[in-house]
C-alpha cells in the first residue's frame, strides 16, 4: 500500500500540467473620445491626407461633415506612407452629420484619413472631415 501512495501523488501533481492553458482575456477596446477636425481643398482627380495618433486600441469613426460645392468623394482610413495614406478601408460618401466609417484600431500608432476624388469632380471642393478615435 505504501508504494501506491507516491504513484498516486505523482499522478495528482502532474494532472494540472496536462490541461489546456487558459487563454488570455481579450482587452476591451477604448471608446472613441478624441476628436480631430481636418479641412482642406480637394482638386479634381486629387487626394488629401491627414494623420492622427491613436493612443490606445479602440474605436475610430470618420465623418465627412461638409463639402462645398456638394459632391460625392472617397474617404479612407489607413497608415501613413510618406506623403500618402495606404488605406486599409475606403468608401464613397456624401457629407452628412453621422459617421460614415466606423471601425476599431487594434493597435496604437499613427493612422491617416484620406479624402479623394472618385472621378466625378469637375472643380475643386472644400471639405471638412472629423475623426473620432481613442
Protein backbone atom coordinates (compact mmCIF):
# COMPACT_ATOMS: atom_id res chain seq x y z
CA UNK A 1 0.00 0.00 0.00
CA UNK A 2 2.88 2.38 0.79
CA UNK A 3 4.32 2.01 -2.73
CA UNK A 4 1.00 3.07 -4.27
CA UNK A 5 0.86 6.41 -2.40
CA UNK A 6 3.85 8.01 -4.23
CA UNK A 7 2.48 6.92 -7.62
CA UNK A 8 -0.99 8.35 -6.93
CA UNK A 9 0.55 11.55 -5.51
CA UNK A 10 2.78 11.91 -8.60
CA UNK A 11 -0.16 11.49 -10.98
CA UNK A 12 -2.21 14.01 -8.99
CA UNK A 13 0.59 16.59 -9.18
CA UNK A 14 1.05 16.14 -12.93
CA UNK A 15 -2.65 16.32 -13.82
CA UNK A 16 -2.91 20.14 -13.81
CA UNK A 17 0.05 20.37 -16.23
CA UNK A 18 -1.84 18.31 -18.83
CA UNK A 19 -4.79 20.68 -19.12
CA UNK A 20 -5.15 23.22 -21.94
CA UNK A 21 -3.79 26.63 -20.98
CA UNK A 22 -6.29 29.29 -20.05
CA UNK A 23 -6.50 31.77 -22.94
CA UNK A 24 -5.72 35.41 -22.10
CA UNK A 25 -8.65 37.75 -21.83
CA UNK A 26 -9.28 40.00 -24.82
CA UNK A 27 -8.82 43.65 -23.88
CA UNK A 28 -11.89 45.84 -24.15
CA UNK A 29 -11.36 48.44 -26.90
CA UNK A 30 -11.31 52.02 -25.63
CA UNK A 31 -14.22 54.19 -26.74
CA UNK A 32 -13.58 56.81 -29.43
CA UNK A 33 -13.41 60.05 -27.44
CA UNK A 34 -10.67 62.19 -29.05
CA UNK A 35 -12.00 64.39 -31.89
CA UNK A 36 -9.77 65.77 -34.64
CA UNK A 37 -11.07 68.02 -37.41
CA UNK A 38 -9.32 68.33 -40.77
CA UNK A 39 -10.21 70.82 -43.51
CA UNK A 40 -8.81 71.23 -46.97
CA UNK A 41 -9.37 71.67 -50.67
CA UNK A 42 -9.67 68.70 -52.97
CA UNK A 43 -8.78 69.09 -56.66
CA UNK A 44 -10.28 67.00 -59.47
CA UNK A 45 -8.50 63.61 -59.57
CA UNK A 46 -6.64 64.62 -56.38
CA UNK A 47 -6.36 63.36 -52.84
CA UNK A 48 -5.64 64.86 -49.45
CA UNK A 49 -4.12 63.03 -46.47
CA UNK A 50 -4.18 63.93 -42.77
CA UNK A 51 -2.51 61.94 -39.99
CA UNK A 52 -3.60 61.34 -36.41
CA UNK A 53 -2.21 59.42 -33.44
CA UNK A 54 -4.27 56.66 -31.85
CA UNK A 55 -3.13 56.40 -28.22
CA UNK A 56 -4.90 53.13 -27.31
CA UNK A 57 -6.54 50.30 -29.18
CA UNK A 58 -10.15 51.31 -29.64
CA UNK A 59 -12.82 52.82 -31.81
CA UNK A 60 -12.37 55.03 -34.86
CA UNK A 61 -15.19 56.98 -36.50
CA UNK A 62 -14.77 59.07 -39.66
CA UNK A 63 -17.33 61.67 -40.76
CA UNK A 64 -17.24 63.82 -43.87
CA UNK A 65 -19.24 66.65 -42.30
CA UNK A 66 -19.19 69.17 -45.16
CA UNK A 67 -18.18 69.54 -48.78
CA UNK A 68 -18.78 72.58 -50.98
CA UNK A 69 -19.93 72.55 -53.64
CA UNK A 70 -21.84 69.34 -52.89
CA UNK A 71 -20.27 66.18 -54.35
CA UNK A 72 -19.60 62.56 -53.51
CA UNK A 73 -15.96 61.78 -52.72
CA UNK A 74 -13.97 58.89 -51.33
CA UNK A 75 -12.77 58.65 -47.74
CA UNK A 76 -10.35 56.07 -46.44
CA UNK A 77 -8.51 55.15 -43.25
CA UNK A 78 -5.09 53.58 -43.17
CA UNK A 79 -1.45 54.04 -42.26
CA UNK A 80 0.81 56.89 -43.41
CA UNK A 81 3.45 56.16 -46.03
CA UNK A 82 5.46 59.24 -46.86
CA UNK A 83 3.04 61.91 -48.09
CA UNK A 84 0.30 59.39 -48.90
CA UNK A 85 -2.09 57.16 -46.99
CA UNK A 86 -2.10 53.38 -47.53
CA UNK A 87 -5.81 52.89 -46.95
CA UNK A 88 -7.00 49.76 -45.18
CA UNK A 89 -10.62 50.55 -45.96
CA UNK A 90 -12.37 53.18 -48.08
CA UNK A 91 -15.79 54.12 -49.40
CA UNK A 92 -17.59 56.74 -51.46
CA UNK A 93 -19.70 59.13 -49.37
CA UNK A 94 -21.59 62.41 -49.36
CA UNK A 95 -21.33 64.87 -46.49
CA UNK A 96 -23.57 64.26 -43.50
CA UNK A 97 -23.73 64.61 -39.72
CA UNK A 98 -23.25 60.91 -38.91
CA UNK A 99 -20.10 58.81 -39.10
CA UNK A 100 -19.77 57.14 -42.48
CA UNK A 101 -16.94 54.81 -41.40
CA UNK A 102 -16.82 53.04 -38.05
CA UNK A 103 -14.13 50.58 -37.04
CA UNK A 104 -11.56 49.57 -34.45
CA UNK A 105 -7.85 50.29 -34.26
CA UNK A 106 -6.35 47.09 -32.87
CA UNK A 107 -3.02 48.74 -32.06
CA UNK A 108 -1.98 52.26 -31.06
CA UNK A 109 0.07 54.29 -33.50
CA UNK A 110 -0.06 56.66 -36.45
CA UNK A 111 -3.06 56.43 -38.74
CA UNK A 112 -4.29 58.59 -41.60
CA UNK A 113 -7.53 59.64 -43.20
CA UNK A 114 -7.63 60.29 -46.93
CA UNK A 115 -10.20 62.30 -48.87
CA UNK A 116 -10.03 61.67 -52.63
CA UNK A 117 -11.85 62.27 -55.90
CA UNK A 118 -13.60 59.16 -57.17
CA UNK A 119 -13.64 60.61 -60.70
CA UNK A 120 -16.66 62.89 -60.64
CA UNK A 121 -15.23 66.28 -59.57
CA UNK A 122 -15.22 68.98 -62.25
CA UNK A 123 -13.95 71.72 -59.93
CA UNK A 124 -12.13 71.95 -56.61
CA UNK A 125 -14.16 71.44 -53.43
CA UNK A 126 -13.62 72.43 -49.81
CA UNK A 127 -14.18 69.72 -47.23
CA UNK A 128 -14.27 69.09 -43.51
CA UNK A 129 -13.71 65.63 -42.10
CA UNK A 130 -13.93 64.74 -38.40
CA UNK A 131 -12.12 61.73 -36.96
CA UNK A 132 -13.09 60.45 -33.51
CA UNK A 133 -10.56 58.00 -32.04
CA UNK A 134 -9.15 56.65 -28.78
